[in-house]
N, C-alpha and C. Protein backbone atom coordinates (compact mmCIF):
# COMPACT_ATOMS: atom_id res chain seq x y z
N UNK A 1 19.08 -19.32 -19.19
CA UNK A 1 18.85 -18.45 -18.07
C UNK A 1 17.64 -17.55 -18.35
N UNK A 2 17.49 -17.03 -19.53
CA UNK A 2 16.36 -16.13 -19.78
C UNK A 2 15.20 -16.90 -20.40
N UNK A 3 14.02 -16.41 -20.12
CA UNK A 3 12.82 -17.02 -20.66
C UNK A 3 12.11 -16.00 -21.53
N UNK A 4 11.54 -16.48 -22.63
CA UNK A 4 10.82 -15.61 -23.55
C UNK A 4 9.32 -15.68 -23.23
N UNK A 5 8.71 -14.54 -23.01
CA UNK A 5 7.29 -14.50 -22.72
C UNK A 5 6.51 -14.27 -24.00
N UNK A 6 5.21 -14.53 -24.01
CA UNK A 6 4.43 -14.36 -25.23
C UNK A 6 4.46 -12.94 -25.79
N UNK A 7 4.65 -11.94 -24.96
CA UNK A 7 4.67 -10.56 -25.46
C UNK A 7 6.07 -10.08 -25.83
N UNK A 8 7.05 -10.99 -25.85
CA UNK A 8 8.34 -10.69 -26.43
C UNK A 8 9.40 -10.13 -25.50
N UNK A 9 9.25 -10.25 -24.21
CA UNK A 9 10.27 -9.73 -23.30
C UNK A 9 11.06 -10.88 -22.71
N UNK A 10 12.37 -10.68 -22.58
CA UNK A 10 13.23 -11.69 -21.98
C UNK A 10 13.29 -11.47 -20.47
N UNK A 11 13.21 -12.54 -19.72
CA UNK A 11 13.31 -12.47 -18.27
C UNK A 11 14.30 -13.50 -17.81
N UNK A 12 15.05 -13.32 -16.75
CA UNK A 12 15.16 -12.08 -15.99
C UNK A 12 16.03 -11.05 -16.72
N UNK A 13 15.86 -9.79 -16.37
CA UNK A 13 16.66 -8.74 -16.98
C UNK A 13 16.92 -7.63 -15.98
N UNK A 14 18.01 -6.91 -16.21
CA UNK A 14 18.42 -5.82 -15.33
C UNK A 14 17.65 -4.57 -15.72
N UNK A 15 17.02 -3.95 -14.76
CA UNK A 15 16.31 -2.71 -15.03
C UNK A 15 17.21 -1.52 -14.72
N UNK A 16 17.90 -1.54 -13.57
CA UNK A 16 18.79 -0.43 -13.22
C UNK A 16 19.90 -0.91 -12.31
N UNK A 17 21.03 -0.20 -12.39
CA UNK A 17 22.17 -0.44 -11.50
C UNK A 17 22.66 0.92 -11.02
N UNK A 18 22.85 1.05 -9.72
CA UNK A 18 23.42 2.27 -9.14
C UNK A 18 24.76 1.90 -8.51
N UNK A 19 25.79 2.67 -8.84
CA UNK A 19 27.12 2.42 -8.31
C UNK A 19 27.47 3.47 -7.26
N UNK A 20 28.34 3.08 -6.31
CA UNK A 20 28.81 4.07 -5.34
C UNK A 20 30.03 4.80 -5.93
N UNK A 21 30.65 5.65 -5.15
CA UNK A 21 31.76 6.45 -5.69
C UNK A 21 33.01 5.63 -5.99
N UNK A 22 33.07 4.40 -5.48
CA UNK A 22 34.19 3.50 -5.78
C UNK A 22 33.84 2.54 -6.91
N UNK A 23 32.75 2.81 -7.62
CA UNK A 23 32.27 2.02 -8.75
C UNK A 23 31.96 0.57 -8.37
N UNK A 24 31.45 0.39 -7.17
CA UNK A 24 30.94 -0.90 -6.74
C UNK A 24 29.42 -0.84 -6.76
N UNK A 25 28.76 -1.96 -6.94
CA UNK A 25 27.30 -1.91 -6.95
C UNK A 25 26.74 -1.48 -5.60
N UNK A 26 25.77 -0.59 -5.64
CA UNK A 26 25.12 -0.10 -4.44
C UNK A 26 23.67 -0.58 -4.38
N UNK A 27 22.98 -0.49 -5.52
CA UNK A 27 21.59 -0.89 -5.59
C UNK A 27 21.28 -1.30 -7.03
N UNK A 28 20.44 -2.31 -7.19
CA UNK A 28 20.03 -2.75 -8.53
C UNK A 28 18.57 -3.21 -8.48
N UNK A 29 17.93 -3.11 -9.62
CA UNK A 29 16.56 -3.60 -9.77
C UNK A 29 16.56 -4.61 -10.91
N UNK A 30 16.01 -5.79 -10.65
CA UNK A 30 15.97 -6.87 -11.63
C UNK A 30 14.51 -7.26 -11.84
N UNK A 31 14.08 -7.34 -13.10
CA UNK A 31 12.74 -7.81 -13.44
C UNK A 31 12.80 -9.29 -13.72
N UNK A 32 11.88 -10.03 -13.14
CA UNK A 32 11.73 -11.45 -13.44
C UNK A 32 10.28 -11.68 -13.85
N UNK A 33 9.97 -12.86 -14.32
CA UNK A 33 8.59 -13.12 -14.70
C UNK A 33 7.69 -13.24 -13.47
N UNK A 34 8.29 -13.36 -12.29
CA UNK A 34 7.52 -13.43 -11.05
C UNK A 34 7.39 -12.09 -10.36
N UNK A 35 8.04 -11.07 -10.86
CA UNK A 35 7.97 -9.74 -10.25
C UNK A 35 9.33 -9.09 -10.18
N UNK A 36 9.37 -7.95 -9.51
CA UNK A 36 10.57 -7.14 -9.41
C UNK A 36 11.35 -7.50 -8.14
N UNK A 37 12.68 -7.52 -8.25
CA UNK A 37 13.57 -7.78 -7.12
C UNK A 37 14.49 -6.58 -6.98
N UNK A 38 14.54 -6.03 -5.77
CA UNK A 38 15.46 -4.93 -5.47
C UNK A 38 16.62 -5.49 -4.67
N UNK A 39 17.84 -5.17 -5.09
CA UNK A 39 19.05 -5.70 -4.45
C UNK A 39 19.85 -4.53 -3.90
N UNK A 40 20.34 -4.68 -2.67
CA UNK A 40 21.17 -3.66 -2.03
C UNK A 40 22.45 -4.33 -1.54
N UNK A 41 23.60 -3.74 -1.84
CA UNK A 41 24.89 -4.26 -1.38
C UNK A 41 25.33 -3.44 -0.17
N UNK A 42 25.87 -4.14 0.83
CA UNK A 42 26.37 -3.49 2.05
C UNK A 42 27.65 -4.17 2.51
N UNK A 43 28.43 -3.41 3.29
CA UNK A 43 29.61 -3.97 3.94
C UNK A 43 29.19 -4.55 5.28
N UNK A 44 29.42 -5.85 5.45
CA UNK A 44 29.09 -6.53 6.70
C UNK A 44 30.36 -7.19 7.21
N UNK A 45 30.85 -6.69 8.32
CA UNK A 45 32.07 -7.22 8.94
C UNK A 45 33.23 -7.25 7.96
N UNK A 46 33.35 -6.20 7.14
CA UNK A 46 34.45 -6.08 6.19
C UNK A 46 34.26 -6.84 4.89
N UNK A 47 33.12 -7.42 4.69
CA UNK A 47 32.85 -8.19 3.48
C UNK A 47 31.63 -7.61 2.77
N UNK A 48 31.67 -7.58 1.44
CA UNK A 48 30.52 -7.07 0.65
C UNK A 48 29.46 -8.16 0.55
N UNK A 49 28.26 -7.84 0.96
CA UNK A 49 27.14 -8.77 0.90
C UNK A 49 25.97 -8.09 0.21
N UNK A 50 25.10 -8.90 -0.41
CA UNK A 50 23.91 -8.33 -1.02
C UNK A 50 22.67 -8.89 -0.34
N UNK A 51 21.65 -8.02 -0.28
CA UNK A 51 20.37 -8.35 0.31
C UNK A 51 19.30 -8.02 -0.71
N UNK A 52 18.27 -8.86 -0.80
CA UNK A 52 17.25 -8.65 -1.82
C UNK A 52 15.86 -8.62 -1.19
N UNK A 53 14.96 -7.96 -1.90
CA UNK A 53 13.56 -7.95 -1.50
C UNK A 53 12.73 -8.36 -2.70
N UNK A 54 11.68 -9.09 -2.46
CA UNK A 54 10.81 -9.59 -3.51
C UNK A 54 10.26 -10.94 -3.10
N UNK A 55 9.47 -11.56 -3.96
CA UNK A 55 8.92 -12.87 -3.64
C UNK A 55 10.00 -13.94 -3.76
N UNK A 56 9.75 -15.10 -3.15
CA UNK A 56 10.74 -16.18 -3.17
C UNK A 56 11.09 -16.65 -4.57
N UNK A 57 10.07 -16.83 -5.42
CA UNK A 57 10.34 -17.28 -6.79
C UNK A 57 11.12 -16.24 -7.57
N UNK A 58 10.78 -14.97 -7.39
CA UNK A 58 11.49 -13.90 -8.10
C UNK A 58 12.94 -13.83 -7.64
N UNK A 59 13.18 -13.99 -6.35
CA UNK A 59 14.56 -13.97 -5.85
C UNK A 59 15.39 -15.11 -6.43
N UNK A 60 14.80 -16.30 -6.47
CA UNK A 60 15.53 -17.46 -7.02
C UNK A 60 15.89 -17.25 -8.49
N UNK A 61 14.99 -16.66 -9.23
CA UNK A 61 15.25 -16.43 -10.65
C UNK A 61 16.27 -15.30 -10.86
N UNK A 62 16.38 -14.37 -9.91
CA UNK A 62 17.26 -13.22 -10.06
C UNK A 62 18.71 -13.51 -9.64
N UNK A 63 18.97 -14.60 -8.94
CA UNK A 63 20.33 -14.87 -8.43
C UNK A 63 21.39 -14.87 -9.52
N UNK A 64 21.21 -15.55 -10.68
CA UNK A 64 22.26 -15.50 -11.71
C UNK A 64 22.51 -14.09 -12.24
N UNK A 65 21.47 -13.27 -12.30
CA UNK A 65 21.63 -11.89 -12.77
C UNK A 65 22.41 -11.07 -11.75
N UNK A 66 22.14 -11.28 -10.47
CA UNK A 66 22.86 -10.57 -9.41
C UNK A 66 24.35 -10.93 -9.45
N UNK A 67 24.65 -12.21 -9.63
CA UNK A 67 26.04 -12.64 -9.75
C UNK A 67 26.70 -12.02 -10.98
N UNK A 68 25.95 -11.89 -12.06
CA UNK A 68 26.48 -11.27 -13.28
C UNK A 68 26.79 -9.79 -13.03
N UNK A 69 25.97 -9.09 -12.29
CA UNK A 69 26.23 -7.68 -11.96
C UNK A 69 27.52 -7.56 -11.18
N UNK A 70 27.72 -8.43 -10.21
CA UNK A 70 28.96 -8.40 -9.42
C UNK A 70 30.18 -8.64 -10.31
N UNK A 71 30.09 -9.59 -11.23
CA UNK A 71 31.21 -9.87 -12.13
C UNK A 71 31.49 -8.68 -13.05
N UNK A 72 30.44 -8.04 -13.55
CA UNK A 72 30.63 -6.87 -14.43
C UNK A 72 31.36 -5.76 -13.68
N UNK A 73 30.99 -5.53 -12.44
CA UNK A 73 31.61 -4.44 -11.68
C UNK A 73 33.05 -4.77 -11.28
N UNK A 74 33.36 -6.04 -11.08
CA UNK A 74 34.73 -6.42 -10.77
C UNK A 74 35.65 -6.21 -11.96
N UNK A 75 35.14 -6.43 -13.18
CA UNK A 75 35.98 -6.26 -14.36
C UNK A 75 36.18 -4.80 -14.72
N UNK A 76 35.41 -3.90 -14.12
CA UNK A 76 35.58 -2.47 -14.39
C UNK A 76 36.84 -1.91 -13.76
N UNK A 77 37.39 -2.60 -12.76
CA UNK A 77 38.59 -2.09 -12.06
C UNK A 77 39.83 -2.50 -12.75
């Protein structure tokens, strides 16, 4: 899943996670080798959904990290 760049950084990686008062993910920033992806979680018709911004390649590379964030927050309960 992660790639090693010549300058020694692993990608993709989580830069920040913000939780709401119920300890669910609210916003996250993920660095990929293609750029930064910002993810926002919202309630849509009673279901939690996430929306991302960034380039197409960066979004594709960030999907496993976004799923990992959701799993981490589910195990906190």
